Amino acid sequence: MESFFLYAGLGVFAGVIAGFFGVGGGLIIVPVLVTIFQGKGFDENVLVHIAIGTSLATIVITSVSSVYAHHKRGAVLWSVFRIITPGIIAGALLGAVIANFLPGAQLRIVFGVFELIVAGYMAWDFIPAPHRNLPRHFVFNITGILIGMVSSVIGIGGGTMTVPFLTWCNVSIRNAVATSSACGLPIAIAGTTGFILTGWPEATLPEWSTGYIYWPAFLGIVTASVVFAPVGARLTHALPVSITKRFFSLLLVFLGIRMLMG
């Protein structure tokens, strides 16, 4: 029961952050779960994999309400979603296979470096200027594979890559964010499936796991984050987003360095 409240507390924070900044909670969930799992004595060789797989599983649930909210406002470009999704699914499955072959220590480094990059991206509030119109299907497929692969390896919904790509392709930021939230669902579903299958033969997994998904953490995080994500969305109208983004980027720097230091 104590662990459930710990996971629920993480879900509250991740939900508010996701609702406020429009980024997936995976950037927070993964490093915090790694710390919790270390305290619980999980095998060092698999605990990072479990943290990433569990993060992807939570995104399956939390992204549904986000997609529905954007769809009601007519902001999701479903034509773009249909074109990029096959590549995203293939990339997410490939990412799960790649993550399975990486030792836990290397997976930490990959996550830590990526988190520091995102911290810089948020600190400078970088939004690429439009340079072209939407590309051919082939480019969408390749981009989808890359976004899905990186997102699956890291355990996130992909918004930090999908939104800049779409804005670079002359899509308005409103539609880019909405379409990115829709793309997060197939990333999470395919990534979760991949982490279940690749982790299934692992003999050192803790009890209550299916592959690399640890269900007690999943339930605690999802229960709280679904409730508190709308709170974060409302805070965007009450707090200065640009200043708060810089504080959040400092948190990402701390978490990223902590992952790099092991």
C-alpha atoms as a PDB file:
ATOM      1  CA  MET A   1       0.000   0.000   0.000  1.00  0.00           C
ATOM      2  CA  GLU A   2       2.878   2.355   0.800  1.00  0.00           C
ATOM      3  CA  SER A   3       4.338   1.763  -2.663  1.00  0.00           C
ATOM      4  CA  PHE A   4       0.972   2.457  -4.309  1.00  0.00           C
ATOM      5  CA  PHE A   5       0.828   5.933  -2.717  1.00  0.00           C
ATOM      6  CA  LEU A   6       4.407   6.524  -3.843  1.00  0.00           C
ATOM      7  CA  TYR A   7       3.488   5.678  -7.435  1.00  0.00           C
ATOM      8  CA  ALA A   8       0.282   7.720  -7.160  1.00  0.00           C
ATOM      9  CA  GLY A   9       2.320  10.726  -5.985  1.00  0.00           C
ATOM     10  CA  LEU A  10       4.516  10.338  -9.051  1.00  0.00           C
ATOM     11  CA  GLY A  11       1.351  10.134 -11.166  1.00  0.00           C
ATOM     12  CA  VAL A  12       0.040  13.397  -9.678  1.00  0.00           C
ATOM     13  CA  PHE A  13       3.240  15.238 -10.543  1.00  0.00           C
ATOM     14  CA  ALA A  14       3.580  13.654 -13.997  1.00  0.00           C
ATOM     15  CA  GLY A  15      -0.086  14.392 -14.768  1.00  0.00           C
ATOM     16  CA  VAL A  16       0.176  18.057 -13.816  1.00  0.00           C
ATOM     17  CA  ILE A  17       3.414  18.448 -15.782  1.00  0.00           C
ATOM     18  CA  ALA A  18       1.942  16.746 -18.853  1.00  0.00           C
ATOM     19  CA  GLY A  19      -1.175  18.906 -18.717  1.00  0.00           C
ATOM     20  CA  PHE A  20       0.752  22.127 -18.147  1.00  0.00           C
ATOM     21  CA  PHE A  21       3.560  21.802 -20.686  1.00  0.00           C
ATOM     22  CA  GLY A  22       1.955  19.438 -23.195  1.00  0.00           C
ATOM     23  CA  VAL A  23       4.848  16.996 -22.894  1.00  0.00           C
ATOM     24  CA  GLY A  24       4.588  13.351 -21.955  1.00  0.00           C
ATOM     25  CA  GLY A  25       5.128  12.440 -18.335  1.00  0.00           C
ATOM     26  CA  GLY A  26       7.770   9.888 -19.337  1.00  0.00           C
ATOM     27  CA  LEU A  27      10.532  12.455 -18.872  1.00  0.00           C
ATOM     28  CA  ILE A  28       9.629  12.487 -15.176  1.00  0.00           C
ATOM     29  CA  ILE A  29       8.269   8.967 -14.723  1.00  0.00           C
ATOM     30  CA  VAL A  30      11.302   7.033 -15.997  1.00  0.00           C
ATOM     31  CA  PRO A  31      14.068   8.538 -13.816  1.00  0.00           C
ATOM     32  CA  VAL A  32      11.872   8.571 -10.697  1.00  0.00           C
ATOM     33  CA  LEU A  33      10.858   4.938 -11.238  1.00  0.00           C
ATOM     34  CA  VAL A  34      14.509   4.006 -11.641  1.00  0.00           C
ATOM     35  CA  THR A  35      15.215   5.492  -8.197  1.00  0.00           C
ATOM     36  CA  ILE A  36      12.191   3.768  -6.631  1.00  0.00           C
ATOM     37  CA  PHE A  37      13.072   0.414  -8.204  1.00  0.00           C
ATOM     38  CA  GLN A  38      16.630   0.695  -6.912  1.00  0.00           C
ATOM     39  CA  GLY A  39      15.247   1.190  -3.413  1.00  0.00           C
ATOM     40  CA  LYS A  40      13.072  -1.901  -3.835  1.00  0.00           C
ATOM     41  CA  GLY A  41      16.097  -3.979  -4.804  1.00  0.00           C
ATOM     42  CA  PHE A  42      15.162  -4.725  -8.423  1.00  0.00           C
ATOM     43  CA  ASP A  43      17.863  -6.298 -10.572  1.00  0.00           C
ATOM     44  CA  GLU A  44      20.141  -3.529 -11.895  1.00  0.00           C
ATOM     45  CA  ASN A  45      20.290  -5.191 -15.303  1.00  0.00           C
ATOM     46  CA  VAL A  46      16.554  -4.797 -15.932  1.00  0.00           C
ATOM     47  CA  LEU A  47      15.240  -1.988 -13.708  1.00  0.00           C
ATOM     48  CA  VAL A  48      15.789   0.720 -16.344  1.00  0.00           C
ATOM     49  CA  HIS A  49      13.984  -1.436 -18.899  1.00  0.00           C
ATOM     50  CA  ILE A  50      11.085  -1.905 -16.466  1.00  0.00           C
ATOM     51  CA  ALA A  51      10.904   1.850 -15.818  1.00  0.00           C
ATOM     52  CA  ILE A  52      10.765   2.615 -19.554  1.00  0.00           C
ATOM     53  CA  GLY A  53       8.271  -0.148 -20.359  1.00  0.00           C
ATOM     54  CA  THR A  54       5.997   0.884 -17.495  1.00  0.00           C
ATOM     55  CA  SER A  55       6.174   4.523 -18.585  1.00  0.00           C
ATOM     56  CA  LEU A  56       5.030   3.584 -22.099  1.00  0.00           C
ATOM     57  CA  ALA A  57       2.157   1.553 -20.665  1.00  0.00           C
ATOM     58  CA  THR A  58       0.909   4.560 -18.659  1.00  0.00           C
ATOM     59  CA  ILE A  59       0.983   6.711 -21.799  1.00  0.00           C
ATOM     60  CA  VAL A  60      -1.486   4.321 -23.473  1.00  0.00           C
ATOM     61  CA  ILE A  61      -4.107   5.327 -20.896  1.00  0.00           C
ATOM     62  CA  THR A  62      -3.255   8.981 -20.324  1.00  0.00           C
ATOM     63  CA  SER A  63      -3.025   9.844 -24.035  1.00  0.00           C
ATOM     64  CA  VAL A  64      -6.594   8.728 -24.767  1.00  0.00           C
ATOM     65  CA  SER A  65      -8.197  11.612 -22.863  1.00  0.00           C
ATOM     66  CA  SER A  66      -5.725  14.068 -24.401  1.00  0.00           C
ATOM     67  CA  VAL A  67      -6.483  12.879 -27.942  1.00  0.00           C
ATOM     68  CA  TYR A  68     -10.233  13.071 -27.315  1.00  0.00           C
ATOM     69  CA  ALA A  69      -9.958  16.638 -26.007  1.00  0.00           C
ATOM     70  CA  HIS A  70      -7.971  17.766 -29.068  1.00  0.00           C
ATOM     71  CA  HIS A  71     -10.309  15.905 -31.426  1.00  0.00           C
ATOM     72  CA  LYS A  72     -13.370  17.669 -29.986  1.00  0.00           C
ATOM     73  CA  ARG A  73     -11.728  20.972 -30.897  1.00  0.00           C
ATOM     74  CA  GLY A  74     -11.049  19.740 -34.440  1.00  0.00           C
ATOM     75  CA  ALA A  75      -7.304  20.261 -34.010  1.00  0.00           C
ATOM     76  CA  VAL A  76      -5.996  16.782 -34.908  1.00  0.00           C
ATOM     77  CA  LEU A  77      -4.845  16.422 -38.520  1.00  0.00           C
ATOM     78  CA  TRP A  78      -6.033  12.850 -39.013  1.00  0.00           C
ATOM     79  CA  SER A  79      -4.735  12.756 -42.590  1.00  0.00           C
ATOM     80  CA  VAL A  80      -1.199  13.349 -41.269  1.00  0.00           C
ATOM     81  CA  PHE A  81      -1.778  10.853 -38.453  1.00  0.00           C
ATOM     82  CA  ARG A  82      -2.763   8.107 -40.933  1.00  0.00           C
ATOM     83  CA  ILE A  83       0.338   8.676 -43.059  1.00  0.00           C
ATOM     84  CA  ILE A  84       2.903   8.747 -40.233  1.00  0.00           C
ATOM     85  CA  THR A  85       1.420   6.022 -38.002  1.00  0.00           C
ATOM     86  CA  PRO A  86       2.721   2.910 -39.892  1.00  0.00           C
ATOM     87  CA  GLY A  87       6.288   4.201 -39.554  1.00  0.00           C
ATOM     88  CA  ILE A  88       5.707   5.115 -35.899  1.00  0.00           C
ATOM     89  CA  ILE A  89       4.450   1.595 -35.076  1.00  0.00           C
ATOM     90  CA  ALA A  90       7.379  -0.060 -36.847  1.00  0.00           C
ATOM     91  CA  GLY A  91       9.840   2.290 -35.142  1.00  0.00           C
ATOM     92  CA  ALA A  92       8.353   1.746 -31.685  1.00  0.00           C
ATOM     93  CA  LEU A  93       8.564  -2.035 -32.040  1.00  0.00           C
ATOM     94  CA  LEU A  94      12.140  -1.710 -33.291  1.00  0.00           C
ATOM     95  CA  GLY A  95      12.952   0.584 -30.357  1.00  0.00           C
ATOM     96  CA  ALA A  96      11.772  -2.054 -27.873  1.00  0.00           C
ATOM     97  CA  VAL A  97      14.080  -4.611 -29.498  1.00  0.00           C
ATOM     98  CA  ILE A  98      17.021  -2.167 -29.408  1.00  0.00           C
ATOM     99  CA  ALA A  99      16.356  -1.323 -25.745  1.00  0.00           C
ATOM    100  CA  ASN A 100      16.262  -5.029 -24.879  1.00  0.00           C
ATOM    101  CA  PHE A 101      19.779  -5.499 -26.278  1.00  0.00           C
ATOM    102  CA  LEU A 102      21.185  -2.461 -24.447  1.00  0.00           C
ATOM    103  CA  PRO A 103      22.560  -3.066 -20.942  1.00  0.00           C
ATOM    104  CA  GLY A 104      20.866  -1.043 -18.204  1.00  0.00           C
ATOM    105  CA  ALA A 105      23.911   1.230 -17.790  1.00  0.00           C
ATOM    106  CA  GLN A 106      23.915   2.176 -21.494  1.00  0.00           C
ATOM    107  CA  LEU A 107      20.166   2.721 -21.475  1.00  0.00           C
ATOM    108  CA  ARG A 108      20.650   5.162 -18.591  1.00  0.00           C
ATOM    109  CA  ILE A 109      23.158   7.142 -20.651  1.00  0.00           C
ATOM    110  CA  VAL A 110      20.863   7.288 -23.683  1.00  0.00           C
ATOM    111  CA  PHE A 111      17.985   8.542 -21.539  1.00  0.00           C
ATOM    112  CA  GLY A 112      20.138  11.042 -19.638  1.00  0.00           C
ATOM    113  CA  VAL A 113      21.561  12.594 -22.808  1.00  0.00           C
ATOM    114  CA  PHE A 114      18.115  12.861 -24.386  1.00  0.00           C
ATOM    115  CA  GLU A 115      16.687  14.476 -21.244  1.00  0.00           C
ATOM    116  CA  LEU A 116      19.444  17.114 -21.243  1.00  0.00           C
ATOM    117  CA  ILE A 117      18.677  17.882 -24.912  1.00  0.00           C
ATOM    118  CA  VAL A 118      14.981  18.337 -24.088  1.00  0.00           C
ATOM    119  CA  ALA A 119      15.923  20.550 -21.121  1.00  0.00           C
ATOM    120  CA  GLY A 120      17.825  22.881 -23.455  1.00  0.00           C
ATOM    121  CA  TYR A 121      14.988  22.815 -25.974  1.00  0.00           C
ATOM    122  CA  MET A 122      12.505  23.898 -23.279  1.00  0.00           C
ATOM    123  CA  ALA A 123      14.797  26.440 -21.595  1.00  0.00           C
ATOM    124  CA  TRP A 124      15.220  28.364 -24.853  1.00  0.00           C
ATOM    125  CA  ASP A 125      11.601  27.762 -25.875  1.00  0.00           C
ATOM    126  CA  PHE A 126      12.792  26.617 -29.290  1.00  0.00           C
ATOM    127  CA  ILE A 127      10.156  26.330 -32.012  1.00  0.00           C
ATOM    128  CA  PRO A 128      11.539  25.764 -35.530  1.00  0.00           C
ATOM    129  CA  ALA A 129      10.416  28.172 -38.214  1.00  0.00           C
ATOM    130  CA  PRO A 130       8.362  26.702 -41.079  1.00  0.00           C
ATOM    131  CA  HIS A 131      10.643  25.784 -43.971  1.00  0.00           C
ATOM    132  CA  ARG A 132       8.519  23.581 -46.209  1.00  0.00           C
ATOM    133  CA  ASN A 133       5.080  22.081 -46.737  1.00  0.00           C
ATOM    134  CA  LEU A 134       4.162  18.532 -45.751  1.00  0.00           C
ATOM    135  CA  PRO A 135       6.581  16.057 -47.383  1.00  0.00           C
ATOM    136  CA  ARG A 136       5.955  12.938 -49.449  1.00  0.00           C
ATOM    137  CA  HIS A 137       4.758   9.707 -47.839  1.00  0.00           C
ATOM    138  CA  PHE A 138       8.283   8.260 -47.964  1.00  0.00           C
ATOM    139  CA  VAL A 139       9.656  11.072 -45.789  1.00  0.00           C
ATOM    140  CA  PHE A 140       6.755  10.658 -43.370  1.00  0.00           C
ATOM    141  CA  ASN A 141       7.499   6.920 -43.119  1.00  0.00           C
ATOM    142  CA  ILE A 142      11.198   7.457 -42.355  1.00  0.00           C
ATOM    143  CA  THR A 143      10.427  10.239 -39.871  1.00  0.00           C
ATOM    144  CA  GLY A 144       7.766   8.087 -38.199  1.00  0.00           C
ATOM    145  CA  ILE A 145      10.234   5.215 -37.795  1.00  0.00           C
ATOM    146  CA  LEU A 146      12.819   7.509 -36.183  1.00  0.00           C
ATOM    147  CA  ILE A 147      10.288   9.159 -33.848  1.00  0.00           C
ATOM    148  CA  GLY A 148       8.770   5.818 -32.850  1.00  0.00           C
ATOM    149  CA  MET A 149      12.159   4.189 -32.310  1.00  0.00           C
ATOM    150  CA  VAL A 150      13.614   6.962 -30.117  1.00  0.00           C
ATOM    151  CA  SER A 151      10.365   7.365 -28.169  1.00  0.00           C
ATOM    152  CA  SER A 152      10.199   3.646 -27.422  1.00  0.00           C
ATOM    153  CA  VAL A 153      13.841   3.459 -26.312  1.00  0.00           C
ATOM    154  CA  ILE A 154      13.333   6.461 -24.003  1.00  0.00           C
ATOM    155  CA  GLY A 155       9.790   5.664 -22.809  1.00  0.00           C
ATOM    156  CA  ILE A 156       8.001   8.830 -23.953  1.00  0.00           C
ATOM    157  CA  GLY A 157       5.096   9.779 -26.209  1.00  0.00           C
ATOM    158  CA  GLY A 158       7.263  11.486 -28.833  1.00  0.00           C
ATOM    159  CA  GLY A 159       5.869  15.017 -28.598  1.00  0.00           C
ATOM    160  CA  THR A 160       9.321  16.561 -28.177  1.00  0.00           C
ATOM    161  CA  MET A 161      10.155  15.335 -31.688  1.00  0.00           C
ATOM    162  CA  THR A 162       6.788  15.234 -33.472  1.00  0.00           C
ATOM    163  CA  VAL A 163       5.813  18.837 -32.669  1.00  0.00           C
ATOM    164  CA  PRO A 164       9.064  20.417 -33.998  1.00  0.00           C
ATOM    165  CA  PHE A 165       8.889  18.257 -37.141  1.00  0.00           C
ATOM    166  CA  LEU A 166       5.308  19.280 -37.913  1.00  0.00           C
ATOM    167  CA  THR A 167       5.924  22.987 -37.225  1.00  0.00           C
ATOM    168  CA  TRP A 168       8.970  22.789 -39.517  1.00  0.00           C
ATOM    169  CA  CYS A 169       6.540  21.418 -42.139  1.00  0.00           C
ATOM    170  CA  ASN A 170       4.396  24.569 -41.864  1.00  0.00           C
ATOM    171  CA  VAL A 171       1.746  23.068 -39.536  1.00  0.00           C
ATOM    172  CA  SER A 172       0.387  25.531 -36.968  1.00  0.00           C
ATOM    173  CA  ILE A 173       1.545  24.922 -33.403  1.00  0.00           C
ATOM    174  CA  ARG A 174      -2.052  24.200 -32.303  1.00  0.00           C
ATOM    175  CA  ASN A 175      -2.484  21.456 -34.908  1.00  0.00           C
ATOM    176  CA  ALA A 176       1.056  20.170 -34.371  1.00  0.00           C
ATOM    177  CA  VAL A 177       0.505  19.656 -30.636  1.00  0.00           C
ATOM    178  CA  ALA A 178      -2.897  18.022 -31.203  1.00  0.00           C
ATOM    179  CA  THR A 179      -1.622  15.693 -33.933  1.00  0.00           C
ATOM    180  CA  SER A 180       1.428  14.856 -31.838  1.00  0.00           C
ATOM    181  CA  SER A 181      -0.826  13.811 -28.943  1.00  0.00           C
ATOM    182  CA  ALA A 182      -2.641  11.440 -31.321  1.00  0.00           C
ATOM    183  CA  CYS A 183       0.675  10.006 -32.524  1.00  0.00           C
ATOM    184  CA  GLY A 184       1.620   9.281 -28.917  1.00  0.00           C
ATOM    185  CA  LEU A 185      -1.051   6.582 -28.690  1.00  0.00           C
ATOM    186  CA  PRO A 186       0.340   4.191 -31.361  1.00  0.00           C
ATOM    187  CA  ILE A 187       3.845   4.848 -30.021  1.00  0.00           C
ATOM    188  CA  ALA A 188       2.733   3.798 -26.540  1.00  0.00           C
ATOM    189  CA  ILE A 189       0.715   0.772 -27.713  1.00  0.00           C
ATOM    190  CA  ALA A 190       3.438  -0.571 -29.996  1.00  0.00           C
ATOM    191  CA  GLY A 191       6.201   0.232 -27.499  1.00  0.00           C
ATOM    192  CA  THR A 192       4.342  -1.430 -24.626  1.00  0.00           C
ATOM    193  CA  THR A 193       3.701  -4.522 -26.761  1.00  0.00           C
ATOM    194  CA  GLY A 194       7.375  -4.659 -27.679  1.00  0.00           C
ATOM    195  CA  PHE A 195       8.540  -4.322 -24.062  1.00  0.00           C
ATOM    196  CA  ILE A 196       6.147  -7.073 -22.961  1.00  0.00           C
ATOM    197  CA  LEU A 197       7.376  -9.470 -25.657  1.00  0.00           C
ATOM    198  CA  THR A 198      11.101  -8.730 -25.313  1.00  0.00           C
ATOM    199  CA  GLY A 199      10.947  -8.876 -21.516  1.00  0.00           C
ATOM    200  CA  TRP A 200       8.855 -12.046 -21.312  1.00  0.00           C
ATOM    201  CA  PRO A 201      11.813 -14.504 -21.187  1.00  0.00           C
ATOM    202  CA  GLU A 202      13.692 -12.446 -18.536  1.00  0.00           C
ATOM    203  CA  ALA A 203      14.093 -14.535 -15.382  1.00  0.00           C
ATOM    204  CA  THR A 204      14.975 -11.735 -12.928  1.00  0.00           C
ATOM    205  CA  LEU A 205      11.775  -9.688 -13.230  1.00  0.00           C
ATOM    206  CA  PRO A 206       9.958  -8.769 -10.006  1.00  0.00           C
ATOM    207  CA  GLU A 207       6.600 -10.261  -9.077  1.00  0.00           C
ATOM    208  CA  TRP A 208       3.533  -8.616 -10.697  1.00  0.00           C
ATOM    209  CA  SER A 209       5.385  -7.982 -13.944  1.00  0.00           C
ATOM    210  CA  THR A 210       4.425  -8.878 -17.500  1.00  0.00           C
ATOM    211  CA  GLY A 211       7.573  -8.577 -19.515  1.00  0.00           C
ATOM    212  CA  TYR A 212       9.066  -5.192 -18.680  1.00  0.00           C
ATOM    213  CA  ILE A 213       5.754  -3.768 -17.413  1.00  0.00           C
ATOM    214  CA  TYR A 214       5.446  -3.515 -13.611  1.00  0.00           C
ATOM    215  CA  TRP A 215       1.715  -3.352 -12.892  1.00  0.00           C
ATOM    216  CA  PRO A 216       1.698  -1.890  -9.334  1.00  0.00           C
ATOM    217  CA  ALA A 217       3.571   1.182 -10.616  1.00  0.00           C
ATOM    218  CA  PHE A 218       1.345   1.354 -13.695  1.00  0.00           C
ATOM    219  CA  LEU A 219      -1.866   1.360 -11.640  1.00  0.00           C
ATOM    220  CA  GLY A 220      -0.661   3.952  -9.153  1.00  0.00           C
ATOM    221  CA  ILE A 221       0.622   6.346 -11.812  1.00  0.00           C
ATOM    222  CA  VAL A 222      -2.384   6.034 -14.136  1.00  0.00           C
ATOM    223  CA  THR A 223      -4.948   6.430 -11.341  1.00  0.00           C
ATOM    224  CA  ALA A 224      -3.476   9.766 -10.299  1.00  0.00           C
ATOM    225  CA  SER A 225      -2.215  11.202 -13.593  1.00  0.00           C
ATOM    226  CA  VAL A 226      -5.569  10.868 -15.373  1.00  0.00           C
ATOM    227  CA  VAL A 227      -7.209  12.861 -12.587  1.00  0.00           C
ATOM    228  CA  PHE A 228      -4.553  15.571 -12.334  1.00  0.00           C
ATOM    229  CA  ALA A 229      -3.685  16.183 -16.005  1.00  0.00           C
ATOM    230  CA  PRO A 230      -6.667  18.606 -16.360  1.00  0.00           C
ATOM    231  CA  VAL A 231      -5.307  20.518 -13.346  1.00  0.00           C
ATOM    232  CA  GLY A 232      -2.086  21.117 -15.238  1.00  0.00           C
ATOM    233  CA  ALA A 233      -4.036  22.261 -18.294  1.00  0.00           C
ATOM    234  CA  ARG A 234      -5.913  24.832 -16.179  1.00  0.00           C
ATOM    235  CA  LEU A 235      -2.653  26.091 -14.671  1.00  0.00           C
ATOM    236  CA  THR A 236      -1.471  27.160 -18.121  1.00  0.00           C
ATOM    237  CA  HIS A 237      -3.937  30.056 -17.842  1.00  0.00           C
ATOM    238  CA  ALA A 238      -2.824  31.050 -14.335  1.00  0.00           C
ATOM    239  CA  LEU A 239       0.973  30.826 -14.406  1.00  0.00           C
ATOM    240  CA  PRO A 240       3.607  32.387 -16.711  1.00  0.00           C
ATOM    241  CA  VAL A 241       4.447  29.449 -18.972  1.00  0.00           C
ATOM    242  CA  SER A 242       7.778  30.796 -20.278  1.00  0.00           C
ATOM    243  CA  ILE A 243       9.224  31.271 -16.774  1.00  0.00           C
ATOM    244  CA  THR A 244       7.819  27.988 -15.478  1.00  0.00           C
ATOM    245  CA  LYS A 245       9.308  26.174 -18.481  1.00  0.00           C
ATOM    246  CA  ARG A 246      12.764  27.298 -17.422  1.00  0.00           C
ATOM    247  CA  PHE A 247      12.250  25.967 -13.912  1.00  0.00           C
ATOM    248  CA  PHE A 248      11.022  22.687 -15.383  1.00  0.00           C
ATOM    249  CA  SER A 249      14.080  22.526 -17.635  1.00  0.00           C
ATOM    250  CA  LEU A 250      16.277  22.766 -14.520  1.00  0.00           C
ATOM    251  CA  LEU A 251      14.422  19.762 -13.100  1.00  0.00           C
ATOM    252  CA  LEU A 252      15.082  17.862 -16.331  1.00  0.00           C
ATOM    253  CA  VAL A 253      18.781  18.780 -16.103  1.00  0.00           C
ATOM    254  CA  PHE A 254      18.892  17.400 -12.549  1.00  0.00           C
ATOM    255  CA  LEU A 255      17.129  14.176 -13.544  1.00  0.00           C
ATOM    256  CA  GLY A 256      19.247  13.798 -16.691  1.00  0.00           C
ATOM    257  CA  ILE A 257      22.526  14.210 -14.785  1.00  0.00           C
ATOM    258  CA  ARG A 258      21.286  11.799 -12.121  1.00  0.00           C
ATOM    259  CA  MET A 259      20.617   9.186 -14.792  1.00  0.00           C
ATOM    260  CA  LEU A 260      24.064   9.740 -16.325  1.00  0.00           C
ATOM    261  CA  MET A 261      25.723   9.375 -12.934  1.00  0.00           C
ATOM    262  CA  GLY A 262      23.816   6.156 -12.203  1.00  0.00           C
END
